[in-house]
Protein backbone atom coordinates (compact mmCIF):
# COMPACT_ATOMS: atom_id res chain seq x y z
CA MET A 1 -25.40 -5.38 15.04
CA VAL A 2 -28.91 -4.59 13.85
CA LYS A 3 -30.22 -1.14 14.62
CA LYS A 4 -33.82 -0.61 15.56
CA LYS A 5 -35.56 1.85 13.25
CA THR A 6 -37.09 4.86 14.91
CA GLY A 7 -38.52 8.09 13.62
CA PRO A 8 -36.78 11.46 13.70
CA ALA A 9 -35.58 12.65 17.10
CA THR A 10 -38.49 15.10 17.42
CA THR A 11 -41.18 12.49 16.75
CA PRO A 12 -42.83 11.23 19.98
CA THR A 13 -42.57 7.47 20.36
CA SER A 14 -44.31 4.85 22.39
CA LYS A 15 -42.21 2.83 24.82
CA ASP A 16 -39.63 0.85 22.76
CA GLY A 17 -41.75 0.96 19.66
CA PRO A 18 -42.45 2.92 16.52
CA PRO A 19 -43.41 6.62 16.51
CA ALA A 20 -46.74 7.35 18.17
CA SER A 21 -48.15 8.64 14.87
CA THR A 22 -47.52 5.21 13.33
CA LEU A 23 -49.34 3.48 16.21
CA LYS A 24 -52.44 5.61 15.64
CA GLU A 25 -52.44 4.72 11.95
CA GLU A 26 -51.94 1.01 12.70
CA SER A 27 -54.87 0.93 15.12
CA LYS A 28 -57.11 2.30 12.39
CA THR A 29 -56.00 -0.28 9.85
CA GLU A 30 -55.66 -3.10 12.40
CA THR A 31 -52.27 -4.25 11.12
CA LYS A 32 -49.59 -5.54 13.43
CA GLN A 33 -46.00 -4.41 13.40
CA SER A 34 -43.19 -6.89 13.97
CA PRO A 35 -41.39 -6.38 17.26
CA PRO A 36 -37.91 -4.86 17.06
CA ILE A 37 -35.07 -7.34 16.54
CA PRO A 38 -33.20 -7.76 19.81
CA THR A 39 -29.45 -7.10 19.92
CA PRO A 40 -27.03 -9.10 22.04
CA ASP A 41 -26.49 -7.68 25.52
CA ASP A 42 -22.75 -7.79 25.02
CA ALA A 43 -22.76 -5.92 21.72
CA PRO A 44 -20.37 -2.96 21.89
CA GLU A 45 -21.92 0.46 21.81
CA PRO A 46 -20.85 2.54 18.83
CA ASP A 47 -18.12 5.01 19.74
CA SER A 48 -18.88 8.09 17.68
CA GLY A 49 -15.90 10.09 18.94
CA SER A 50 -13.02 7.70 18.34
CA VAL A 51 -10.87 7.17 15.30
CA PRO A 52 -10.80 3.60 13.98
CA GLN A 53 -7.72 1.70 15.15
CA MET A 54 -5.21 1.18 12.38
CA GLU A 55 -2.83 -1.73 12.11
CA PRO A 56 0.57 -0.79 13.58
CA ILE A 57 3.02 0.29 10.87
CA LEU A 58 5.49 -2.45 11.77
CA GLY A 59 2.85 -5.04 12.63
CA VAL A 60 4.05 -7.47 15.31
CA PHE A 61 7.37 -5.61 15.49
CA GLN A 62 5.82 -2.27 16.49
CA ASP A 63 6.15 -2.91 20.25
CA MET A 64 9.84 -3.73 19.79
CA TYR A 65 10.38 -0.52 17.84
CA ASP A 66 8.42 1.55 20.38
CA ALA A 67 10.34 0.09 23.34
CA TRP A 68 13.49 1.78 22.08
CA GLU A 69 11.84 5.18 21.56
CA SER A 70 13.21 6.43 24.90
CA ALA A 71 16.76 5.61 23.75
CA THR A 72 16.57 7.61 20.53
CA ASP A 73 19.33 10.04 21.60
CA PHE A 74 21.61 7.11 22.43
CA VAL A 75 20.83 5.32 19.16
CA ASP A 76 21.23 8.48 17.06
CA GLY A 77 24.74 9.03 18.36
CA MET A 78 26.06 5.54 17.71
CA PRO A 79 28.55 4.91 14.90
CA ASP A 80 27.99 2.02 12.51
CA ILE A 81 30.75 -0.03 14.20
CA TYR A 82 28.64 -0.16 17.37
CA PHE A 83 25.73 -1.89 15.56
CA ARG A 84 28.09 -4.20 13.65
CA SER A 85 29.71 -5.23 16.92
CA VAL A 86 26.40 -5.86 18.65
CA LEU A 87 25.23 -8.00 15.73
CA ILE A 88 28.42 -10.08 15.92
CA ILE A 89 27.88 -10.51 19.67
CA GLN A 90 24.30 -11.64 19.03
CA MET A 91 25.47 -14.17 16.43
CA ASN A 92 28.05 -15.51 18.90
CA GLU A 93 25.32 -15.84 21.54
CA ILE A 94 23.21 -17.84 19.09
CA ASP A 95 26.18 -20.12 18.38
CA ASP A 96 26.79 -20.56 22.12
CA HIS A 97 23.15 -21.42 22.77
CA VAL A 98 23.13 -23.96 19.94
CA CYS A 99 26.37 -25.57 21.15
CA ASP A 100 25.05 -25.68 24.72
CA LEU A 101 21.83 -27.35 23.46
CA MET A 102 19.75 -24.55 24.95
CA PRO A 103 15.99 -24.57 24.38
CA ILE A 104 14.81 -23.07 21.11
CA GLU A 105 13.27 -20.13 23.03
CA LYS A 106 16.75 -19.02 24.14
CA ILE A 107 18.01 -19.23 20.57
CA THR A 108 15.08 -17.38 19.07
CA ASN A 109 15.36 -14.67 21.75
CA GLU A 110 18.80 -13.84 20.35
CA MET A 111 17.44 -13.90 16.79
CA VAL A 112 14.71 -11.44 17.78
CA ASP A 113 17.38 -9.26 19.38
CA ILE A 114 19.08 -9.12 15.98
CA ILE A 115 15.90 -7.66 14.52
CA SER A 116 15.82 -5.09 17.33
CA VAL A 117 19.45 -4.09 16.76
CA THR A 118 18.76 -3.80 13.04
CA PHE A 119 15.73 -1.57 13.66
CA ASN A 120 17.89 0.67 15.84
CA TRP A 121 20.61 0.81 13.20
CA MET A 122 18.00 1.93 10.67
CA ARG A 123 16.67 4.43 13.24
CA SER A 124 20.23 5.80 13.58
CA LYS A 125 20.15 6.42 9.83
CA GLY A 126 17.04 8.59 10.21
CA LEU A 127 14.31 6.07 9.44
CA ASP A 128 11.14 6.14 11.50
CA ALA A 129 8.66 3.25 11.69
CA GLN A 130 7.15 4.17 8.31
CA GLY A 131 10.61 4.43 6.72
CA ILE A 132 11.55 1.00 8.06
CA SER A 133 8.26 -0.45 6.80
CA ASP A 134 8.87 1.05 3.35
CA ALA A 135 12.44 -0.29 3.27
CA VAL A 136 11.24 -3.78 4.21
CA LYS A 137 8.55 -3.71 1.52
CA ARG A 138 11.04 -2.53 -1.11
CA ARG A 139 13.55 -5.20 -0.18
CA THR A 140 11.11 -8.08 0.13
CA SER A 141 9.70 -7.40 -3.31
CA ARG A 142 12.87 -8.98 -4.70
CA PHE A 143 12.32 -12.22 -2.76
CA ALA A 144 9.98 -13.44 -5.46
CA ASP A 145 13.12 -14.79 -7.14
CA VAL A 146 14.56 -16.88 -4.31
CA ASP A 147 16.47 -19.04 -6.78
CA ALA A 148 18.51 -16.00 -7.88
CA ILE A 149 19.24 -15.11 -4.25
CA MET A 150 20.41 -18.64 -3.46
CA ALA A 151 22.52 -18.69 -6.64
CA LYS A 152 24.17 -15.39 -5.65
CA TYR A 153 25.22 -16.70 -2.23
CA ASN A 154 26.43 -19.92 -3.80
CA GLU A 155 28.47 -18.19 -6.52
CA GLU A 156 29.84 -15.31 -4.46
CA TYR A 157 30.31 -16.97 -1.08
CA GLY A 158 30.24 -20.71 -1.71
CA LEU A 159 27.18 -21.20 0.46
């Protein structure tokens, strides 16, 4: 957006133009001033009182994390076996959907639920959104060596 230049707030101005003192000088020298550059009608007005919006800490997963905020007391009281059991149930649901030739949306819904359960497990361990983000960043930094990860699963688990 291009701002129109004007004089100080106390300087009288002509209608939509430069300060009146400038107009008087221009009439003496007979020079013409370019008209102000128009701005689009739909240009947003600057909001001087708001704080710039920051990217959510967990990006696209922030809404999922926030949805469970009201269940924090429930999540905080759960033992690890609860989360392990729910993850096994989710994996079984994925297997069932694949065997039943369900649409990919049904399958991916269960996969997304695994992420949600995992977030809640981390929340139960005292991590907030920033802590989860930091943990993800720490862990994904090792994915640069995917060959070593694949070799580990092959050697240790025969996969």
